[in-house]
Protein backbone atom coordinates (compact mmCIF):
# COMPACT_ATOMS: atom_id res chain seq x y z
CA MET A 1 17.99 -8.89 -0.50
CA ARG A 2 17.93 -10.21 -4.15
CA ASP A 3 18.59 -13.66 -2.95
CA THR A 4 15.56 -13.55 -0.56
CA ARG A 5 13.53 -12.17 -3.57
CA ARG A 6 14.64 -15.10 -5.83
CA ARG A 7 13.74 -17.60 -3.14
CA PHE A 8 10.42 -16.10 -2.89
CA LEU A 9 9.84 -16.34 -6.65
CA GLN A 10 10.82 -20.07 -6.51
CA ASN A 11 8.86 -21.02 -3.51
CA THR A 12 5.64 -19.01 -3.85
CA ILE A 13 3.63 -21.72 -5.64
CA LEU A 14 4.58 -24.16 -3.18
CA ALA A 15 3.89 -22.09 -0.20
CA VAL A 16 0.64 -20.55 -1.03
CA PRO A 17 -1.91 -23.37 -1.29
CA ALA A 18 -1.34 -24.24 2.47
CA ILE A 19 -3.38 -21.25 3.33
CA LYS A 20 -4.64 -20.14 -0.05
CA PHE A 21 -7.28 -17.30 0.36
CA GLY A 22 -6.85 -18.06 4.24
CA ILE A 23 -6.15 -15.14 6.51
CA MET A 24 -3.27 -16.07 9.03
CA LYS A 25 -4.00 -16.36 12.67
CA ARG A 26 -1.41 -15.74 15.32
CA SER A 27 0.61 -18.43 16.83
CA LYS A 28 0.45 -19.40 20.58
CA GLU A 29 3.01 -16.71 21.27
CA GLY A 30 1.63 -14.16 18.97
CA SER A 31 2.79 -13.38 15.42
CA ARG A 32 5.09 -10.75 16.41
CA PRO A 33 7.10 -9.16 14.91
CA LEU A 34 4.72 -8.95 11.63
CA VAL A 35 4.76 -6.91 8.40
CA MET A 36 1.96 -6.98 5.91
CA SER A 37 1.92 -5.22 2.68
CA THR A 38 -0.44 -4.74 -0.31
CA TRP A 39 0.04 -6.52 -3.56
CA ASP A 40 2.60 -8.92 -4.75
CA SER A 41 5.21 -6.22 -4.91
CA GLY A 42 4.77 -6.09 -1.17
CA VAL A 43 7.61 -8.61 -1.18
CA ILE A 44 9.88 -5.54 -1.71
CA ALA A 45 8.39 -3.40 0.78
CA ASN A 46 8.49 -6.22 3.52
CA GLU A 47 12.25 -6.82 2.47
CA GLY A 48 12.87 -3.22 3.77
CA ALA A 49 10.83 -3.79 6.85
CA TRP A 50 12.02 -7.17 8.10
CA PRO A 51 15.55 -6.21 9.01
CA VAL A 52 14.18 -3.76 11.52
CA LEU A 53 11.52 -5.84 12.93
CA SER A 54 13.61 -8.96 13.16
CA THR A 55 16.11 -6.91 15.48
CA GLN A 56 13.45 -5.76 17.68
CA GLY A 57 13.22 -2.20 16.07
CA ARG A 58 10.14 0.07 15.85
CA ALA A 59 7.30 -0.59 13.67
CA LEU A 60 7.61 2.99 12.66
CA ASP A 61 11.14 2.52 11.42
CA ALA A 62 10.19 -0.60 9.68
CA VAL A 63 7.17 0.84 7.65
CA GLU A 64 9.44 3.92 6.86
CA GLN A 65 12.06 1.44 5.36
CA ALA A 66 9.37 -0.52 3.50
CA GLY A 67 8.27 2.64 1.79
CA ILE A 68 11.85 3.65 1.00
CA ALA A 69 12.37 0.24 -0.51
CA ILE A 70 9.54 0.25 -2.87
CA GLU A 71 10.17 4.00 -3.65
CA ASN A 72 13.64 2.92 -4.70
CA HIS A 73 12.41 0.32 -7.11
CA ILE A 74 11.56 1.20 -10.69
CA SER A 75 7.68 1.05 -10.84
CA CYS A 76 4.93 2.48 -12.56
CA CYS A 77 2.83 3.41 -9.58
CA VAL A 78 5.19 4.55 -6.84
CA GLY A 79 7.92 6.70 -6.75
CA LEU A 80 9.51 9.24 -9.35
CA GLY A 81 9.40 6.62 -12.09
CA GLY A 82 5.68 6.29 -11.69
CA ASN A 83 2.74 7.00 -14.02
CA PRO A 84 2.43 10.88 -14.48
CA ASP A 85 -0.77 13.00 -14.55
CA ARG A 86 -2.40 13.80 -17.63
CA ASP A 87 -0.10 16.74 -18.03
CA GLY A 88 3.14 14.53 -17.85
CA TYR A 89 4.13 15.29 -14.47
CA VAL A 90 4.80 12.76 -11.64
CA THR A 91 3.24 13.80 -8.27
CA LEU A 92 3.60 11.70 -5.17
CA ASP A 93 1.40 11.26 -2.34
CA SER A 94 2.35 9.47 1.11
CA CYS A 95 1.73 9.20 4.90
CA ILE A 96 2.84 7.55 7.80
CA MET A 97 1.46 6.86 11.29
CA ASP A 98 2.73 5.43 14.56
CA GLU A 99 1.32 3.71 17.63
CA LYS A 100 0.78 7.13 19.47
CA ALA A 101 -1.40 8.60 16.71
CA ASN A 102 1.57 10.83 15.59
CA CYS A 103 1.16 11.11 11.79
CA GLY A 104 2.56 13.16 8.76
CA SER A 105 1.42 13.39 5.30
CA VAL A 106 2.56 14.89 1.81
CA ALA A 107 0.59 15.19 -1.27
CA PHE A 108 1.22 16.49 -4.76
CA LEU A 109 5.00 16.16 -4.11
CA GLU A 110 7.15 16.65 -7.08
CA ARG A 111 10.83 15.71 -7.72
CA ILE A 112 11.52 14.27 -4.21
CA LYS A 113 12.60 10.58 -4.30
CA HIS A 114 11.31 9.46 -0.88
CA PRO A 115 7.73 10.96 -0.04
CA VAL A 116 7.43 8.55 2.92
CA SER A 117 10.42 10.04 4.41
CA VAL A 118 9.29 13.52 3.89
CA ALA A 119 5.79 12.52 5.51
CA ARG A 120 7.88 11.27 8.68
CA LYS A 121 9.73 14.53 8.87
CA VAL A 122 6.16 16.55 8.81
CA MET A 123 5.12 14.23 11.75
CA GLU A 124 8.37 14.92 13.68
CA LYS A 125 9.30 18.47 12.84
CA THR A 126 6.26 20.46 12.38
CA PRO A 127 3.03 21.12 14.18
CA HIS A 128 1.03 19.93 11.16
CA VAL A 129 -0.18 16.56 9.61
CA MET A 130 -0.22 17.51 5.87
CA LEU A 131 1.80 19.55 3.37
CA VAL A 132 1.09 19.73 -0.18
CA GLY A 133 2.35 20.79 -3.42
CA GLN A 134 5.26 23.48 -3.55
CA GLY A 135 5.15 23.83 0.29
CA ALA A 136 6.00 20.23 0.69
CA GLN A 137 8.70 20.42 -1.83
CA GLN A 138 10.07 23.47 0.01
CA PHE A 139 10.00 21.82 3.29
CA ALA A 140 11.57 18.65 1.85
CA VAL A 141 14.58 20.69 0.53
CA GLN A 142 14.77 22.60 3.96
CA GLN A 143 15.03 19.12 5.72
CA GLY A 144 18.07 17.91 3.17
CA PHE A 145 15.99 16.01 0.73
CA HIS A 146 17.52 16.68 -2.89
CA LEU A 147 15.42 17.71 -6.10
CA GLU A 148 15.68 14.99 -8.54
CA GLU A 149 14.97 15.20 -12.13
CA GLN A 150 11.79 13.60 -13.41
CA LYS A 151 12.45 10.40 -15.36
CA LEU A 152 9.50 8.01 -16.20
CA SER A 153 10.25 4.46 -15.99
CA PRO A 154 10.19 2.93 -19.76
CA GLU A 155 6.98 1.37 -18.95
CA ALA A 156 5.36 4.44 -17.45
CA ALA A 157 6.57 6.49 -20.42
CA LYS A 158 5.18 3.95 -22.99
CA ALA A 159 1.80 4.00 -21.22
CA TYR A 160 1.74 7.66 -21.19
CA LYS A 161 2.48 7.85 -24.85
CA ASP A 162 -0.18 5.37 -25.48
CA TRP A 163 -2.82 7.40 -23.42
CA LEU A 164 -2.11 10.51 -25.17
CA LYS A 165 -3.74 8.88 -28.47
CA ASN A 166 -7.04 9.24 -26.89
CA SER A 167 -6.44 11.23 -23.64
CA GLU A 168 -9.31 9.24 -21.99
CA TYR A 169 -9.22 9.06 -18.18
CA LYS A 170 -10.84 5.71 -17.18
CA PRO A 171 -9.47 3.84 -14.11
CA VAL A 172 -8.91 0.27 -14.86
CA LYS A 173 -9.32 -2.15 -11.84
CA ASN A 174 -6.59 -4.68 -11.12
CA ILE A 175 -4.30 -3.19 -13.78
CA GLU A 176 -1.61 -4.67 -11.44
CA ARG A 177 -2.43 -8.15 -11.96
CA THR A 178 -1.68 -10.31 -14.98
CA GLN A 179 -4.70 -11.18 -17.07
CA THR A 180 -3.51 -14.79 -17.72
CA ASN A 181 -3.29 -15.42 -13.96
CA LYS A 182 -6.27 -13.58 -12.71
CA GLY A 183 -8.28 -15.71 -10.41
CA LYS A 184 -6.48 -18.65 -11.05
CA GLY A 185 -4.82 -19.16 -7.46
CA PRO A 186 -1.41 -18.86 -6.36
CA PHE A 187 0.21 -15.69 -7.69
CA VAL A 188 3.64 -15.15 -8.82
CA PRO A 189 4.79 -11.47 -9.03
CA ASN A 190 4.16 -10.07 -12.31
CA ARG A 191 7.65 -8.49 -13.52
CA LEU A 192 7.43 -5.97 -16.48
CA GLN A 193 10.11 -5.90 -19.17
CA ASP A 194 12.08 -3.12 -17.53
CA GLY A 195 12.31 -5.53 -14.38
CA SER A 196 9.54 -3.58 -12.37
CA PHE A 197 6.47 -4.81 -10.78
CA ASN A 198 3.06 -3.40 -12.01
CA HIS A 199 0.94 -2.37 -9.23
CA ASP A 200 -0.99 0.21 -7.52
CA THR A 201 -0.52 1.99 -4.21
CA MET A 202 1.91 0.45 -1.80
CA GLY A 203 0.73 0.18 1.90
CA THR A 204 2.47 -1.42 4.80
CA ILE A 205 1.32 -2.13 8.22
CA ALA A 206 3.56 -3.65 11.01
CA LEU A 207 3.32 -5.03 14.45
CA ASP A 208 6.60 -4.96 16.38
CA SER A 209 8.13 -7.10 19.16
CA ARG A 210 6.95 -4.46 21.58
CA GLY A 211 3.23 -4.92 20.61
CA ASP A 212 3.31 -1.47 18.87
CA LEU A 213 1.74 -0.83 15.51
CA SER A 214 2.57 1.68 12.59
CA GLY A 215 1.70 2.04 8.98
CA MET A 216 2.73 3.94 5.76
CA CYS A 217 1.14 4.53 2.37
CA THR A 218 3.11 5.69 -0.80
CA THR A 219 2.08 6.07 -4.41
CA SER A 220 2.32 8.31 -7.56
CA GLY A 221 -1.46 8.15 -7.55
CA MET A 222 -3.89 7.28 -10.41
CA ALA A 223 -2.36 7.07 -13.83
CA PHE A 224 -3.09 10.12 -15.95
CA LYS A 225 -5.19 11.64 -13.25
CA MET A 226 -6.27 15.40 -13.54
CA ARG A 227 -3.39 17.73 -12.46
CA GLY A 228 -3.86 18.47 -8.72
CA ARG A 229 -5.84 15.33 -8.02
CA VAL A 230 -5.17 13.68 -4.76
CA GLY A 231 -6.50 10.22 -3.64
CA ASP A 232 -6.91 8.48 -0.31
CA SER A 233 -3.26 7.45 0.14
CA PRO A 234 -1.96 10.46 2.08
CA LEU A 235 -5.12 11.02 3.95
CA ILE A 236 -5.13 9.84 7.59
CA GLY A 237 -8.12 7.80 8.14
CA ALA A 238 -8.87 7.17 4.55
CA GLY A 239 -5.73 5.35 2.94
CA LEU A 240 -4.04 4.55 6.47
CA PHE A 241 -5.31 4.49 10.13
CA VAL A 242 -3.51 3.14 13.15
CA ASP A 243 -4.78 2.74 16.81
CA ASN A 244 -2.61 0.81 19.23
CA GLU A 245 -5.42 -0.18 21.19
CA ALA A 246 -7.39 -1.68 18.25
CA GLY A 247 -5.19 -2.25 15.23
CA ALA A 248 -3.93 -0.76 12.00
CA ALA A 249 -5.26 -0.71 8.23
CA VAL A 250 -4.23 0.52 4.83
CA ALA A 251 -5.96 0.69 1.62
CA THR A 252 -5.47 0.54 -2.05
CA GLY A 253 -7.48 0.69 -5.20
CA GLN A 254 -10.01 3.50 -6.17
CA GLY A 255 -9.08 6.27 -3.88
CA GLU A 256 -12.33 8.32 -4.18
CA GLU A 257 -14.44 5.39 -3.11
CA ILE A 258 -12.34 4.64 -0.11
CA ILE A 259 -12.37 8.50 1.03
CA ARG A 260 -16.07 8.59 0.86
CA ILE A 261 -16.43 6.08 3.73
CA SER A 262 -13.12 7.10 5.61
CA GLY A 263 -12.17 3.45 4.85
CA CYS A 264 -9.31 2.59 7.11
CA HIS A 265 -10.63 4.47 10.04
CA LEU A 266 -13.78 2.51 9.78
CA VAL A 267 -11.81 -0.80 9.59
CA VAL A 268 -10.07 -0.04 12.94
CA GLU A 269 -13.10 1.14 14.59
CA LEU A 270 -14.70 -2.01 13.50
CA MET A 271 -11.95 -3.79 15.14
CA ARG A 272 -12.17 -1.86 18.39
CA ASN A 273 -15.82 -2.74 18.49
CA GLY A 274 -14.88 -6.56 18.58
CA ALA A 275 -14.68 -7.37 14.72
CA SER A 276 -11.65 -9.61 13.57
CA PRO A 277 -9.50 -8.00 10.88
CA GLN A 278 -10.98 -10.17 8.34
CA GLU A 279 -14.68 -9.33 9.44
CA ALA A 280 -13.73 -5.46 9.70
CA CYS A 281 -12.12 -5.44 6.04
CA GLU A 282 -15.25 -7.23 4.78
CA LYS A 283 -17.73 -4.84 6.15
CA ALA A 284 -15.88 -1.98 5.05
CA ILE A 285 -15.88 -3.27 1.56
CA GLU A 286 -19.73 -4.09 1.89
CA ARG A 287 -20.24 -0.30 2.82
CA ILE A 288 -18.54 0.74 -0.22
CA ILE A 289 -20.57 -1.43 -2.35
CA LYS A 290 -23.80 -0.52 -0.79
CA ARG A 291 -23.38 3.02 -1.89
CA ASP A 292 -23.63 2.30 -5.51
CA PRO A 293 -23.74 -1.47 -6.35
CA VAL A 294 -23.98 -0.64 -10.05
CA ARG A 295 -20.51 1.38 -10.05
CA ALA A 296 -18.97 -0.89 -7.74
CA LYS A 297 -18.67 -3.45 -10.71
CA ASP A 298 -16.13 -1.39 -12.45
CA PHE A 299 -13.79 -0.34 -9.65
CA GLN A 300 -11.48 -2.05 -7.34
CA ALA A 301 -10.94 -1.19 -3.69
CA CYS A 302 -9.16 -3.17 -1.07
CA PHE A 303 -8.02 -3.21 2.69
CA ILE A 304 -5.62 -5.09 4.89
CA ALA A 305 -5.66 -5.08 8.53
CA ILE A 306 -3.71 -6.07 11.51
CA SER A 307 -5.09 -6.40 15.01
CA ARG A 308 -3.17 -5.61 18.19
CA GLY A 309 -3.03 -9.25 18.94
CA GLY A 310 -1.33 -10.17 15.57
CA ASP A 311 -4.40 -11.55 13.45
CA THR A 312 -4.53 -10.36 9.99
CA GLY A 313 -7.32 -9.65 7.43
CA ALA A 314 -7.81 -8.79 3.73
CA PHE A 315 -10.76 -8.06 1.43
CA ALA A 316 -11.61 -6.52 -1.90
CA VAL A 317 -14.35 -5.58 -4.06
CA HIS A 318 -13.22 -7.72 -6.96
CA PRO A 319 -10.84 -10.85 -7.27
CA GLY A 320 -7.20 -9.92 -8.26
CA PHE A 321 -6.13 -8.26 -5.02
CA ASN A 322 -3.17 -9.94 -3.27
CA PHE A 323 -0.86 -8.92 -0.30
CA ALA A 324 2.46 -10.20 1.25
CA ILE A 325 3.19 -11.39 4.83
CA TRP A 326 6.43 -11.81 6.69
CA ASN A 327 6.58 -13.08 10.31
CA SER A 328 8.59 -15.62 12.25
CA GLU A 329 6.46 -18.24 10.76
CA ILE A 330 6.06 -17.22 7.01
CA GLU A 331 8.75 -15.71 5.05
CA ASN A 332 7.72 -12.88 2.69
CA THR A 333 4.85 -14.97 1.04
CA VAL A 334 2.01 -13.58 -1.16
CA PHE A 335 -1.72 -14.63 -0.75
CA ASP A 336 -4.73 -14.03 -2.79
CA SER A 337 -7.39 -11.95 -0.85
CA LYS A 338 -11.16 -12.83 -0.90
CA SER A 339 -13.33 -10.53 -2.40
CA TYR A 340 -17.07 -9.47 -2.65
CA PHE A 341 -17.67 -10.26 -6.23
CA SER A 342 -16.30 -13.36 -8.07
CA ASP A 343 -14.94 -13.47 -11.49
């Protein structure tokens, strides 16, 4: 896997211009299997998913492995090393959904390393869709997950220490992207000094060789949020939605704005009604902006989508969003997304 990541870093600048800002269309045989993840750090998630998809495995298993891969990676925004809430505690949100509308979710989960796997257990072992807080943690332990000690990544610990100086809660759009490269074309993943990626919510959607879709979303949430805050990521229909007859979508960015339009459900319903994945993502972003064009200048929201036929789309409020794709034609490559506003 490390060799794959190294080859990716070496080849990204050469590979991206061929379809820079473009959205991949399916080949004559269809782009199956296919995995698509948010942000440049999606290369890590895709590395977890591809071994499953390339051996004719289920999309559901692939997206769970994508979540596990990124949760294992030292990160500011996903997993136990992520940014804490304003009281200093890391709380994790995740959801997963398969081709039959089976879904599971956890929110405000503490001290469990793999919330995406707990979400799958909620889906498979309970009559419910979502468990939260202490109840989610209790269920996880009952299912054999271990309680871990909270240990912030060095970057997250430093960011929290700096934040405490003013204790101002102000989400920063595109904190995931290096300012030196913002809006300047092919994007090389931004590794922090501790070796981590700096990114927001990780979302993955996949289409397997059978033509079935699944998706997952995992995050430690908005940095320094109010204790108890939950965003769109664990909410089926907001941060993730899958419908095998139409397509799948996952979101990242300012969760409150995505929740207000049931964003991923909207994207999928637009595809059901004939829109391409690209058109659906654009229309959803336009609806977010229409609510409050002035406020929209200060936050980021983004969608990626896959149709049942294997076409893909991505769109954001602002420049700076990117995503990673891996299929039989494209090996784990990052692309810049189009956006409503320009620099």
